[in-house]
Amino acid sequence: MRTAYRAAVACTVRSSFGILVCMTIDNILASIDSEIVQLKQARALLSTDGIRKTPSASPVRKKRKLSAAARKKIGDAQRKRWAKQKASK
């Protein structure tokens, strides 16, 4: 019932050129929806420096793994720094 009512109601809109335009509410909503889509696309282009990215297109970064020897070396170096700092106090 509501859809039939919306389609039957006509709305008059005066455009910026002074032309009288008659549109139904459904046509107005469709026009607004299409403008929203265009504005979202323009915003996406401007926010990514002209490079359009989709969430699925971005590569997933592989997690870096340290070997046990590398972790031991880093830990030993940190403990050495802590010991030097503690000795100077």
Protein backbone atom coordinates (compact mmCIF):
# COMPACT_ATOMS: atom_id res chain seq x y z
CA MET A 1 0.00 0.00 0.00
CA ARG A 2 2.72 2.40 0.93
CA THR A 3 4.67 1.84 -2.29
CA ALA A 4 1.61 2.65 -4.39
CA TYR A 5 1.10 5.84 -2.40
CA ARG A 6 4.72 6.92 -2.85
CA ALA A 7 4.66 6.25 -6.58
CA ALA A 8 1.43 8.18 -7.06
CA VAL A 9 2.60 11.29 -5.20
CA ALA A 10 4.30 13.79 -7.47
CA CYS A 11 6.72 16.40 -6.29
CA THR A 12 7.67 19.53 -8.18
CA VAL A 13 11.24 20.72 -7.92
CA ARG A 14 12.71 23.82 -9.48
CA SER A 15 16.20 23.10 -10.79
CA SER A 16 19.10 25.55 -10.78
CA PHE A 17 18.38 26.38 -14.45
CA GLY A 18 14.85 27.62 -13.69
CA ILE A 19 13.18 24.61 -15.30
CA LEU A 20 10.19 23.09 -13.55
CA VAL A 21 10.76 19.35 -13.04
CA CYS A 22 8.13 16.88 -11.85
CA MET A 23 9.37 13.69 -10.23
CA THR A 24 7.79 11.00 -8.12
CA ILE A 25 9.19 10.32 -4.67
CA ASP A 26 10.63 7.01 -5.90
CA ASN A 27 12.47 8.85 -8.69
CA ILE A 28 13.82 11.39 -6.21
CA LEU A 29 15.04 8.63 -3.87
CA ALA A 30 16.67 6.78 -6.77
CA SER A 31 18.38 10.00 -7.85
CA ILE A 32 19.65 10.63 -4.31
CA ASP A 33 20.92 7.05 -4.05
CA SER A 34 22.84 7.36 -7.31
CA GLU A 35 24.39 10.65 -6.17
CA ILE A 36 25.44 9.02 -2.88
CA VAL A 37 27.17 6.21 -4.81
CA GLN A 38 28.99 8.74 -7.01
CA LEU A 39 30.08 10.79 -3.98
CA LYS A 40 31.38 7.68 -2.18
CA GLN A 41 33.39 6.73 -5.26
CA ALA A 42 34.82 10.25 -5.52
CA ARG A 43 35.72 10.24 -1.82
CA ALA A 44 37.43 6.86 -2.17
CA LEU A 45 39.49 8.14 -5.10
CA LEU A 46 40.49 11.31 -3.25
CA SER A 47 41.37 9.59 0.01
CA THR A 48 43.68 7.05 -1.67
CA ASP A 49 45.59 9.46 -3.92
CA GLY A 50 43.80 8.22 -7.03
CA ILE A 51 44.53 4.56 -6.38
CA ARG A 52 41.34 2.64 -5.88
CA LYS A 53 41.72 -0.14 -3.36
CA THR A 54 39.29 -2.79 -2.33
CA PRO A 55 39.58 -4.58 1.01
CA SER A 56 40.12 -7.95 -0.67
CA ALA A 57 42.78 -6.58 -3.04
CA SER A 58 45.17 -5.46 -0.29
CA PRO A 59 47.84 -8.09 0.32
CA VAL A 60 47.99 -9.67 3.75
CA ARG A 61 51.39 -9.10 5.28
CA LYS A 62 53.19 -12.27 6.24
CA LYS A 63 54.21 -12.41 9.91
CA ARG A 64 57.95 -12.29 10.42
CA LYS A 65 59.48 -15.14 12.39
CA LEU A 66 62.74 -15.01 14.28
CA SER A 67 64.81 -18.09 14.81
CA ALA A 68 65.56 -19.25 18.36
CA ALA A 69 69.19 -18.20 17.92
CA ALA A 70 68.17 -14.69 16.84
CA ARG A 71 65.81 -14.33 19.83
CA LYS A 72 68.60 -15.51 22.17
CA LYS A 73 71.05 -13.03 20.65
CA ILE A 74 68.57 -10.14 21.04
CA GLY A 75 67.75 -11.20 24.63
CA ASP A 76 71.43 -11.46 25.56
CA ALA A 77 72.11 -8.00 24.13
CA GLN A 78 69.18 -6.51 26.10
CA ARG A 79 70.30 -8.17 29.33
CA LYS A 80 73.79 -6.78 28.73
CA ARG A 81 72.34 -3.25 28.33
CA TRP A 82 70.28 -3.68 31.52
CA ALA A 83 73.35 -4.89 33.44
CA LYS A 84 75.40 -1.93 32.20
CA GLN A 85 72.65 0.52 33.23
CA LYS A 86 72.26 -1.14 36.64
CA ALA A 87 76.03 -1.06 37.25
CA SER A 88 76.23 2.67 36.49
CA LYS A 89 73.67 3.53 39.21
